[in-house]
């Protein structure tokens, strides 16, 4: 995730009026480790169909613990039954198998092995998965809460999943799929090289085969559904991922806008497929970076032609969606200096004076929830329509170029419905390379 910048941005600070309004509207929060007390502060969002929970970095413990506490409360008290996260579908399926006490689905390689491994292989996610497994244990299958990935990067694992499914129920269909996917076979472990080969080496485009395979899966759905509906849906979603990933890697060298939009459109389509498959009354919690779950139309991203899942959810669900951003001032974060580099524990610089984060820091609240959804705090919402900078730290953090690398302009009151603030935060705790002593073989990360 790379933040957009706004050429010619004139440095401005939040007005005293805005800081005073933020201070008055902010509701102090307990520590997220006080799970029940923290989660109860978010009862007001229980009427939504989709609650989107952001993060200002991909490596902050408080953001993960807060989202876990909120999600637990929404599940226990408001009937939410789908969790969809910014992760690959096959990887998240291992957690889904674990929390719903199911057999592991076929895989080629390790779980959450793609950079950045710490984003999901961490103690905070494991503790939530353990809680969800216990919560689901006494429930019948259709009432259990499921856990899914929304992302598009799992080309190799998704091809393997489709073929393994068809091998079990339709050997002839598996042969057809192998032939169609054969075009991608040389690239499935390094899919970015496929896009480069198509663009620069005039290699054959594999689009027709992956589209034909998805169409074949849909045409045979009645036959396949007789075996197992969940297995068919999982295989179908993997076929959709292969189609989206083929196009994503083919266009990624043309420019960031097209590939970003394709990725977030896929995230939205996956969420919609999950909502439809789980049926009437389904309510979902989404975990993703602020840059995905906030309404892109209210940010420099949108002003430069990008949209995101938050904007699409806002359009589709209107007031039945709640978009909640997260922010911090200082502390530590798990991040790398370059894409693919080793994780480091880095110090987060204090927020710039011309940022929303600096305005929240000036309120004096260590932790707070500020809510302007559905007409609450109209005066504050009006004040938050003055654009300021907002910080976005992804899996790469470069403090030495923070202004250009990690800040973009936004209109906060239109980007989110509410904002969760932590003045000081700490890095997530990555898991080691071995399964903890005594953990079951179905342990979700397969370490």
Protein backbone atom coordinates (compact mmCIF):
# COMPACT_ATOMS: atom_id res chain seq x y z
CA UNK A 1 0.00 0.00 0.00
CA UNK A 2 1.51 3.32 -1.10
CA UNK A 3 -0.03 6.59 -0.05
CA UNK A 4 -1.05 9.12 -2.66
CA UNK A 5 0.29 12.66 -2.43
CA UNK A 6 -1.28 15.95 -3.39
CA UNK A 7 0.96 18.26 -5.42
CA UNK A 8 0.93 21.78 -4.12
CA UNK A 9 -0.58 20.95 -0.73
CA UNK A 10 -0.30 24.03 1.44
CA UNK A 11 0.70 23.16 4.99
CA UNK A 12 -2.16 23.89 7.36
CA UNK A 13 -2.93 22.93 10.92
CA UNK A 14 -6.24 22.02 12.47
CA UNK A 15 -8.07 25.03 13.83
CA UNK A 16 -8.60 25.41 17.59
CA UNK A 17 -12.32 25.12 16.83
CA UNK A 18 -11.81 21.68 15.27
CA UNK A 19 -9.59 20.48 18.13
CA UNK A 20 -12.13 21.65 20.71
CA UNK A 21 -14.95 19.92 18.79
CA UNK A 22 -12.92 16.72 18.61
CA UNK A 23 -12.16 16.92 22.33
CA UNK A 24 -15.84 17.36 23.16
CA UNK A 25 -17.09 14.59 20.86
CA UNK A 26 -14.40 12.01 21.63
CA UNK A 27 -15.55 9.23 23.94
CA UNK A 28 -12.70 7.77 26.04
CA UNK A 29 -12.12 4.06 25.48
CA UNK A 30 -10.74 1.42 27.84
CA UNK A 31 -7.73 -0.61 26.78
CA UNK A 32 -8.71 -3.16 24.08
CA UNK A 33 -7.43 -5.94 26.35
CA UNK A 34 -10.59 -5.26 28.40
CA UNK A 35 -12.45 -7.02 25.61
CA UNK A 36 -16.05 -6.90 26.85
CA UNK A 37 -15.87 -3.30 28.05
CA UNK A 38 -14.12 -2.12 24.90
CA UNK A 39 -16.48 -3.97 22.57
CA UNK A 40 -19.59 -2.63 24.30
CA UNK A 41 -18.60 0.90 23.25
CA UNK A 42 -19.45 -0.15 19.68
CA UNK A 43 -23.03 -1.31 20.31
CA UNK A 44 -24.23 1.63 18.23
CA UNK A 45 -22.93 -0.07 15.06
CA UNK A 46 -24.88 -3.28 15.66
CA UNK A 47 -27.68 -2.15 13.35
CA UNK A 48 -25.37 -2.14 10.32
CA UNK A 49 -25.19 -4.94 7.75
CA UNK A 50 -21.49 -4.36 7.05
CA UNK A 51 -19.06 -2.91 9.60
CA UNK A 52 -15.65 -2.06 8.14
CA UNK A 53 -12.78 -1.79 10.62
CA UNK A 54 -9.61 -0.13 9.40
CA UNK A 55 -6.01 0.27 10.51
CA UNK A 56 -3.49 3.01 9.87
CA UNK A 57 -0.66 0.46 9.66
CA UNK A 58 -0.35 -3.25 8.92
CA UNK A 59 1.75 -3.86 12.02
CA UNK A 60 0.12 -2.31 15.11
CA UNK A 61 -1.03 -4.48 18.01
CA UNK A 62 -3.72 -2.11 19.27
CA UNK A 63 -5.47 -2.07 15.91
CA UNK A 64 -5.67 -5.87 15.80
CA UNK A 65 -6.80 -6.15 19.43
CA UNK A 66 -9.39 -3.42 18.99
CA UNK A 67 -10.83 -5.03 15.87
CA UNK A 68 -10.94 -8.38 17.66
CA UNK A 69 -12.80 -6.90 20.63
CA UNK A 70 -15.28 -5.05 18.42
CA UNK A 71 -15.85 -8.11 16.25
CA UNK A 72 -16.40 -10.36 19.26
CA UNK A 73 -19.07 -7.98 20.56
CA UNK A 74 -20.80 -7.70 17.20
CA UNK A 75 -20.86 -11.50 16.91
CA UNK A 76 -22.08 -12.15 20.44
CA UNK A 77 -24.67 -9.38 20.67
CA UNK A 78 -25.68 -8.37 17.14
CA UNK A 79 -25.64 -11.53 15.00
CA UNK A 80 -22.64 -10.86 12.76
CA UNK A 81 -21.61 -14.12 11.11
CA UNK A 82 -18.98 -13.35 8.43
CA UNK A 83 -15.47 -11.97 8.93
CA UNK A 84 -13.72 -10.88 5.72
CA UNK A 85 -10.13 -9.67 5.85
CA UNK A 86 -7.40 -8.22 3.65
CA UNK A 87 -5.75 -11.61 3.10
CA UNK A 88 -5.61 -14.29 0.43
CA UNK A 89 -8.59 -16.62 0.24
CA UNK A 90 -6.65 -19.94 0.53
CA UNK A 91 -4.63 -18.67 3.49
CA UNK A 92 -7.69 -17.37 5.32
CA UNK A 93 -9.37 -20.71 4.56
CA UNK A 94 -6.94 -22.37 6.97
CA UNK A 95 -8.19 -20.08 9.75
CA UNK A 96 -11.77 -20.73 8.62
CA UNK A 97 -11.18 -24.48 8.83
CA UNK A 98 -9.75 -24.04 12.30
CA UNK A 99 -12.47 -21.84 13.75
CA UNK A 100 -15.27 -23.94 12.24
CA UNK A 101 -13.69 -27.31 13.16
CA UNK A 102 -13.39 -28.46 9.55
CA UNK A 103 -10.81 -30.56 7.71
CA UNK A 104 -8.00 -28.59 6.09
CA UNK A 105 -8.43 -27.79 2.40
CA UNK A 106 -5.72 -28.91 -0.09
CA UNK A 107 -2.63 -26.70 -0.37
CA UNK A 108 0.66 -26.61 -2.27
CA UNK A 109 2.71 -24.64 0.24
CA UNK A 110 2.82 -23.02 3.66
CA UNK A 111 0.09 -20.77 5.02
CA UNK A 112 0.65 -16.98 5.08
CA UNK A 113 4.12 -17.52 3.63
CA UNK A 114 3.92 -14.58 1.21
CA UNK A 115 5.43 -11.26 2.32
CA UNK A 116 4.42 -9.74 4.73
CA UNK A 117 4.08 -12.83 6.92
CA UNK A 118 3.65 -10.86 10.15
CA UNK A 119 0.42 -9.26 8.94
CA UNK A 120 -1.56 -12.40 9.81
CA UNK A 121 1.00 -14.70 11.46
CA UNK A 122 0.90 -12.88 14.77
CA UNK A 123 -0.17 -13.51 18.35
CA UNK A 124 -3.07 -11.07 18.12
CA UNK A 125 -4.74 -12.95 15.24
CA UNK A 126 -4.08 -16.33 16.85
CA UNK A 127 -5.76 -15.27 20.09
CA UNK A 128 -8.82 -14.12 18.16
CA UNK A 129 -8.90 -17.36 16.15
CA UNK A 130 -8.76 -19.38 19.37
CA UNK A 131 -11.69 -17.41 20.78
CA UNK A 132 -13.72 -17.87 17.58
CA UNK A 133 -13.03 -21.61 17.53
CA UNK A 134 -14.41 -21.89 21.08
CA UNK A 135 -17.40 -19.69 20.20
CA UNK A 136 -18.30 -21.83 17.18
CA UNK A 137 -17.82 -25.19 18.92
CA UNK A 138 -21.39 -25.64 20.30
CA UNK A 139 -23.13 -24.15 17.24
CA UNK A 140 -24.64 -26.01 14.31
CA UNK A 141 -22.78 -25.42 11.05
CA UNK A 142 -25.13 -22.86 9.52
CA UNK A 143 -24.94 -20.67 12.63
CA UNK A 144 -21.16 -20.66 12.89
CA UNK A 145 -19.13 -17.56 12.13
CA UNK A 146 -16.88 -17.91 9.08
CA UNK A 147 -13.53 -16.28 8.30
CA UNK A 148 -12.51 -15.40 4.73
CA UNK A 149 -9.84 -13.61 2.69
CA UNK A 150 -10.72 -10.92 0.17
CA UNK A 151 -7.46 -10.48 -1.72
CA UNK A 152 -6.33 -11.39 -5.22
CA UNK A 153 -2.72 -12.55 -4.92
CA UNK A 154 -3.14 -16.33 -4.50
CA UNK A 155 -2.76 -17.40 -8.14
CA UNK A 156 -0.79 -20.59 -7.45
CA UNK A 157 -2.80 -21.80 -4.46
CA UNK A 158 -6.10 -20.98 -6.14
CA UNK A 159 -5.17 -22.97 -9.27
CA UNK A 160 -4.22 -25.88 -7.03
CA UNK A 161 -7.50 -25.63 -5.11
CA UNK A 162 -9.61 -25.73 -8.27
CA UNK A 163 -7.74 -28.73 -9.65
CA UNK A 164 -7.88 -30.62 -6.34
CA UNK A 165 -11.63 -30.04 -6.13
CA UNK A 166 -12.27 -31.23 -9.68
CA UNK A 167 -9.99 -34.25 -9.27
CA UNK A 168 -12.35 -35.43 -6.56
CA UNK A 169 -15.68 -35.02 -8.30
CA UNK A 170 -15.12 -34.56 -12.06
CA UNK A 171 -11.90 -36.05 -13.50
CA UNK A 172 -12.82 -34.96 -17.03
CA UNK A 173 -13.44 -31.45 -15.77
CA UNK A 174 -10.05 -31.55 -14.04
CA UNK A 175 -8.38 -32.43 -17.35
CA UNK A 176 -10.04 -29.47 -19.04
CA UNK A 177 -8.98 -27.18 -16.19
CA UNK A 178 -5.35 -28.36 -16.35
CA UNK A 179 -5.30 -27.63 -20.07
CA UNK A 180 -6.78 -24.14 -19.58
CA UNK A 181 -4.53 -23.27 -16.66
CA UNK A 182 -1.49 -24.69 -18.43
CA UNK A 183 -0.84 -21.30 -20.01
CA UNK A 184 -0.20 -19.89 -16.51
CA UNK A 185 1.79 -22.84 -15.16
CA UNK A 186 5.23 -21.34 -15.93
CA UNK A 187 4.30 -18.22 -14.00
CA UNK A 188 2.22 -19.42 -11.08
CA UNK A 189 5.04 -19.18 -8.53
CA UNK A 190 6.25 -15.78 -9.84
CA UNK A 191 3.04 -14.28 -11.28
CA UNK A 192 4.46 -10.77 -11.61
CA UNK A 193 6.78 -12.16 -14.28
CA UNK A 194 3.71 -13.16 -16.30
CA UNK A 195 2.67 -9.53 -16.63
CA UNK A 196 6.18 -8.50 -17.60
CA UNK A 197 6.40 -11.28 -20.21
CA UNK A 198 3.08 -10.30 -21.77
CA UNK A 199 3.96 -6.61 -21.83
CA UNK A 200 7.61 -6.73 -22.90
CA UNK A 201 8.19 -10.15 -24.45
CA UNK A 202 4.88 -10.45 -26.33
CA UNK A 203 4.09 -13.76 -24.66
CA UNK A 204 0.62 -15.25 -25.04
CA UNK A 205 -2.18 -13.84 -22.90
CA UNK A 206 -3.86 -16.50 -20.74
CA UNK A 207 -7.16 -14.69 -20.26
CA UNK A 208 -9.37 -16.86 -22.48
CA UNK A 209 -8.51 -20.05 -20.63
CA UNK A 210 -9.18 -18.75 -17.12
CA UNK A 211 -12.46 -17.15 -18.22
CA UNK A 212 -13.52 -20.40 -19.88
CA UNK A 213 -12.70 -22.34 -16.72
CA UNK A 214 -14.80 -20.03 -14.53
CA UNK A 215 -17.67 -20.30 -16.99
CA UNK A 216 -17.35 -24.09 -16.94
CA UNK A 217 -17.57 -24.12 -13.13
CA UNK A 218 -20.75 -22.05 -13.25
CA UNK A 219 -22.33 -24.13 -16.01
CA UNK A 220 -21.80 -27.33 -13.97
CA UNK A 221 -22.86 -25.84 -10.65
CA UNK A 222 -26.01 -27.96 -10.29
CA UNK A 223 -24.02 -31.16 -10.72
CA UNK A 224 -21.26 -29.99 -8.39
CA UNK A 225 -23.65 -28.71 -5.71
CA UNK A 226 -25.00 -32.24 -5.25
CA UNK A 227 -21.69 -33.20 -3.66
CA UNK A 228 -21.10 -30.37 -1.18
CA UNK A 229 -22.17 -26.75 -1.41
CA UNK A 230 -19.34 -25.35 0.70
CA UNK A 231 -16.68 -27.18 -1.32
CA UNK A 232 -18.21 -25.93 -4.57
CA UNK A 233 -18.35 -22.34 -3.32
CA UNK A 234 -14.73 -22.52 -2.20
CA UNK A 235 -13.63 -23.90 -5.58
CA UNK A 236 -15.73 -21.34 -7.45
CA UNK A 237 -14.18 -18.50 -5.47
CA UNK A 238 -10.71 -19.82 -6.24
CA UNK A 239 -11.62 -19.91 -9.94
CA UNK A 240 -12.73 -16.29 -9.65
CA UNK A 241 -9.41 -15.44 -8.03
CA UNK A 242 -7.47 -17.08 -10.87
CA UNK A 243 -9.42 -14.96 -13.34
CA UNK A 244 -8.87 -11.75 -11.35
CA UNK A 245 -5.21 -12.51 -10.62
CA UNK A 246 -4.45 -13.20 -14.29
CA UNK A 247 -5.73 -9.77 -15.19
CA UNK A 248 -4.19 -8.08 -12.14
CA UNK A 249 -0.67 -9.28 -12.93
CA UNK A 250 -1.16 -8.53 -16.62
CA UNK A 251 -2.09 -4.87 -16.03
CA UNK A 252 0.08 -4.07 -13.00
CA UNK A 253 2.87 -2.71 -15.20
CA UNK A 254 0.53 -0.33 -16.99
CA UNK A 255 -0.09 1.81 -13.92
CA UNK A 256 -1.08 1.65 -10.28
CA UNK A 257 -4.62 2.98 -10.73
CA UNK A 258 -5.90 0.12 -12.91
CA UNK A 259 -4.38 -2.60 -10.73
CA UNK A 260 -5.56 -0.94 -7.50
CA UNK A 261 -9.11 -0.64 -8.82
CA UNK A 262 -9.15 -4.24 -10.05
CA UNK A 263 -7.95 -5.46 -6.64
CA UNK A 264 -10.54 -3.52 -4.66
CA UNK A 265 -13.32 -4.42 -7.10
CA UNK A 266 -12.38 -8.06 -6.51
CA UNK A 267 -12.51 -7.51 -2.73
CA UNK A 268 -16.00 -6.04 -3.04
CA UNK A 269 -17.20 -8.80 -5.37
CA UNK A 270 -15.86 -11.41 -2.94
CA UNK A 271 -17.70 -9.77 -0.05
CA UNK A 272 -20.90 -9.70 -2.10
CA UNK A 273 -20.48 -13.37 -3.02
CA UNK A 274 -20.06 -14.24 0.66
CA UNK A 275 -23.12 -12.24 1.66
CA UNK A 276 -25.18 -13.96 -1.01
CA UNK A 277 -23.92 -17.44 -0.21
CA UNK A 278 -24.54 -17.15 3.52
CA UNK A 279 -28.09 -15.99 2.78
CA UNK A 280 -30.68 -13.64 4.25
CA UNK A 281 -29.72 -11.96 7.49
CA UNK A 282 -25.97 -12.20 6.88
CA UNK A 283 -23.95 -9.47 8.59
CA UNK A 284 -20.24 -8.98 7.91
CA UNK A 285 -17.23 -7.42 9.60
CA UNK A 286 -14.37 -6.40 7.29
CA UNK A 287 -10.78 -5.92 8.47
CA UNK A 288 -8.53 -3.98 6.09
CA UNK A 289 -6.27 -0.96 5.91
CA UNK A 290 -7.85 2.49 6.16
CA UNK A 291 -6.89 3.03 2.52
CA UNK A 292 -9.26 0.20 1.57
CA UNK A 293 -12.19 0.63 3.97
CA UNK A 294 -12.48 4.41 3.99
CA UNK A 295 -14.49 6.01 1.20
CA UNK A 296 -11.84 6.68 -1.46
CA UNK A 297 -13.99 9.40 -3.04
CA UNK A 298 -13.13 11.59 -0.04
CA UNK A 299 -9.37 11.19 -0.43
CA UNK A 300 -6.55 12.01 -2.83
CA UNK A 301 -6.86 8.42 -4.06
CA UNK A 302 -10.32 9.08 -5.39
CA UNK A 303 -9.39 12.50 -6.73
CA UNK A 304 -6.78 10.71 -8.87
CA UNK A 305 -9.13 8.05 -10.23
CA UNK A 306 -8.88 5.24 -7.67
CA UNK A 307 -11.81 3.65 -5.85
CA UNK A 308 -11.84 1.08 -3.07
CA UNK A 309 -14.00 -1.48 -1.30
CA UNK A 310 -15.13 1.12 1.23
CA UNK A 311 -16.52 3.37 -1.50
CA UNK A 312 -18.26 0.43 -3.19
CA UNK A 313 -19.75 -0.76 0.10
CA UNK A 314 -20.96 2.78 0.82
CA UNK A 315 -22.70 2.88 -2.57
CA UNK A 316 -24.22 -0.60 -2.17
CA UNK A 317 -25.32 -0.44 1.47
CA UNK A 318 -25.73 3.25 2.24
CA UNK A 319 -26.62 3.82 5.90
CA UNK A 320 -26.47 0.06 6.52
CA UNK A 321 -22.67 0.27 6.28
CA UNK A 322 -20.37 1.65 8.98
CA UNK A 323 -16.83 2.68 7.95
CA UNK A 324 -14.57 3.06 10.99
CA UNK A 325 -11.04 4.39 10.63
CA UNK A 326 -8.15 3.95 13.06
CA UNK A 327 -5.22 6.23 13.82
CA UNK A 328 -2.18 6.72 16.02
CA UNK A 329 0.48 9.28 16.82
CA UNK A 330 3.65 7.58 18.06
CA UNK A 331 4.99 4.23 19.22
CA UNK A 332 6.39 1.25 17.35
CA UNK A 333 5.25 -0.69 14.30
CA UNK A 334 6.20 -3.93 12.56
CA UNK A 335 7.23 -3.02 9.02
CA UNK A 336 9.97 -3.46 6.44
CA UNK A 337 12.17 -0.85 4.78
CA UNK A 338 11.51 -2.25 1.29
CA UNK A 339 9.07 -4.67 -0.28
CA UNK A 340 10.22 -8.21 0.45
CA UNK A 341 12.78 -7.14 3.08
CA UNK A 342 12.94 -8.45 6.63
CA UNK A 343 10.50 -7.16 9.22
CA UNK A 344 11.82 -4.64 11.72
CA UNK A 345 10.34 -2.98 14.78
CA UNK A 346 10.39 0.66 13.75
CA UNK A 347 9.67 3.83 15.71
CA UNK A 348 6.67 5.77 14.43
CA UNK A 349 7.40 9.47 14.13
CA UNK A 350 5.03 11.97 15.78
CA UNK A 351 2.29 13.02 13.40
CA UNK A 352 2.81 16.08 11.24
CA UNK A 353 1.23 19.31 12.44
CA UNK A 354 -0.88 19.53 9.26
CA UNK A 355 -2.52 16.13 9.81
CA UNK A 356 -5.72 14.82 11.36
CA UNK A 357 -3.57 12.67 13.65
CA UNK A 358 -1.99 15.79 15.12
CA UNK A 359 -5.46 17.24 15.75
CA UNK A 360 -6.49 14.08 17.63
CA UNK A 361 -3.26 14.23 19.64
CA UNK A 362 -4.09 17.78 20.69
CA UNK A 363 -7.36 16.58 22.26
CA UNK A 364 -5.37 14.97 25.07
CA UNK A 365 -7.24 11.64 24.85
CA UNK A 366 -5.06 8.53 25.04
CA UNK A 367 -7.77 6.33 23.48
CA UNK A 368 -11.08 7.46 22.05
CA UNK A 369 -14.01 6.79 19.73
CA UNK A 370 -15.33 9.74 17.77
CA UNK A 371 -18.62 9.05 15.99
CA UNK A 372 -20.43 11.26 13.47
CA UNK A 373 -22.46 8.48 11.78
CA UNK A 374 -26.09 9.11 10.85
CA UNK A 375 -26.08 12.79 11.79
CA UNK A 376 -24.32 12.54 15.16
CA UNK A 377 -22.06 15.50 15.94
CA UNK A 378 -23.08 17.53 12.89
CA UNK A 379 -20.93 20.51 13.88
CA UNK A 380 -17.86 18.27 14.14
CA UNK A 381 -18.65 16.60 10.82
CA UNK A 382 -18.80 20.02 9.17
CA UNK A 383 -15.44 20.99 10.65
CA UNK A 384 -13.92 17.70 9.48
CA UNK A 385 -14.77 18.63 5.88
CA UNK A 386 -11.70 20.87 5.76
CA UNK A 387 -9.03 18.67 4.12
CA UNK A 388 -5.94 17.76 6.10
CA UNK A 389 -3.22 15.18 5.68
CA UNK A 390 -3.74 11.62 6.91
CA UNK A 391 -1.01 9.07 7.54
CA UNK A 392 -0.95 5.59 5.99
CA UNK A 393 1.75 3.07 6.87
CA UNK A 394 1.51 -0.21 5.01
CA UNK A 395 3.96 -3.10 5.23
CA UNK A 396 6.78 -0.74 4.25
CA UNK A 397 7.62 2.23 6.49
CA UNK A 398 10.21 4.82 5.51
CA UNK A 399 10.36 7.50 8.21
CA UNK A 400 13.08 9.34 6.31
CA UNK A 401 10.63 10.12 3.47
CA UNK A 402 7.46 10.08 5.53
CA UNK A 403 5.75 13.10 3.93
CA UNK A 404 5.96 11.76 0.39
CA UNK A 405 5.67 8.08 1.26
CA UNK A 406 3.00 7.97 3.93
CA UNK A 407 0.72 11.02 3.87
CA UNK A 408 -2.20 11.87 1.62
CA UNK A 409 -4.93 14.48 1.74
CA UNK A 410 -8.44 13.50 2.86
CA UNK A 411 -11.79 14.79 4.07
CA UNK A 412 -12.25 12.74 7.22
CA UNK A 413 -15.98 13.19 7.79
CA UNK A 414 -16.75 11.82 4.32
CA UNK A 415 -14.06 9.14 4.38
CA UNK A 416 -15.29 7.48 7.60
CA UNK A 417 -18.34 7.35 9.85
CA UNK A 418 -16.25 7.20 13.02
CA UNK A 419 -12.62 7.15 14.12
CA UNK A 420 -10.80 5.11 16.77
CA UNK A 421 -7.76 6.86 18.20
CA UNK A 422 -4.74 5.49 20.05
CA UNK A 423 -2.20 8.15 20.97
CA UNK A 424 0.57 5.59 21.49
CA UNK A 425 0.78 2.11 20.01
CA UNK A 426 3.15 -0.86 19.81
CA UNK A 427 4.09 -3.38 17.16
CA UNK A 428 2.29 -6.69 16.66
CA UNK A 429 3.98 -9.82 18.01
CA UNK A 430 4.95 -12.08 15.08
CA UNK A 431 4.70 -15.83 15.55
CA UNK A 432 7.81 -17.97 15.37
CA UNK A 433 8.42 -20.74 12.90
CA UNK A 434 7.14 -23.56 15.07
CA UNK A 435 3.69 -24.51 16.30
CA UNK A 436 3.28 -23.83 20.04
CA UNK A 437 3.57 -26.88 22.28
CA UNK A 438 0.25 -28.67 22.58
CA UNK A 439 -1.47 -26.89 19.68
CA UNK A 440 -3.64 -29.19 17.52
CA UNK A 441 -2.63 -30.26 14.03
CA UNK A 442 -5.42 -28.04 12.70
CA UNK A 443 -3.67 -24.99 14.13
CA UNK A 444 -4.52 -22.29 11.60
CA UNK A 445 -1.13 -21.12 10.47
CA UNK A 446 0.29 -24.52 9.67
CA UNK A 447 3.67 -23.64 11.11
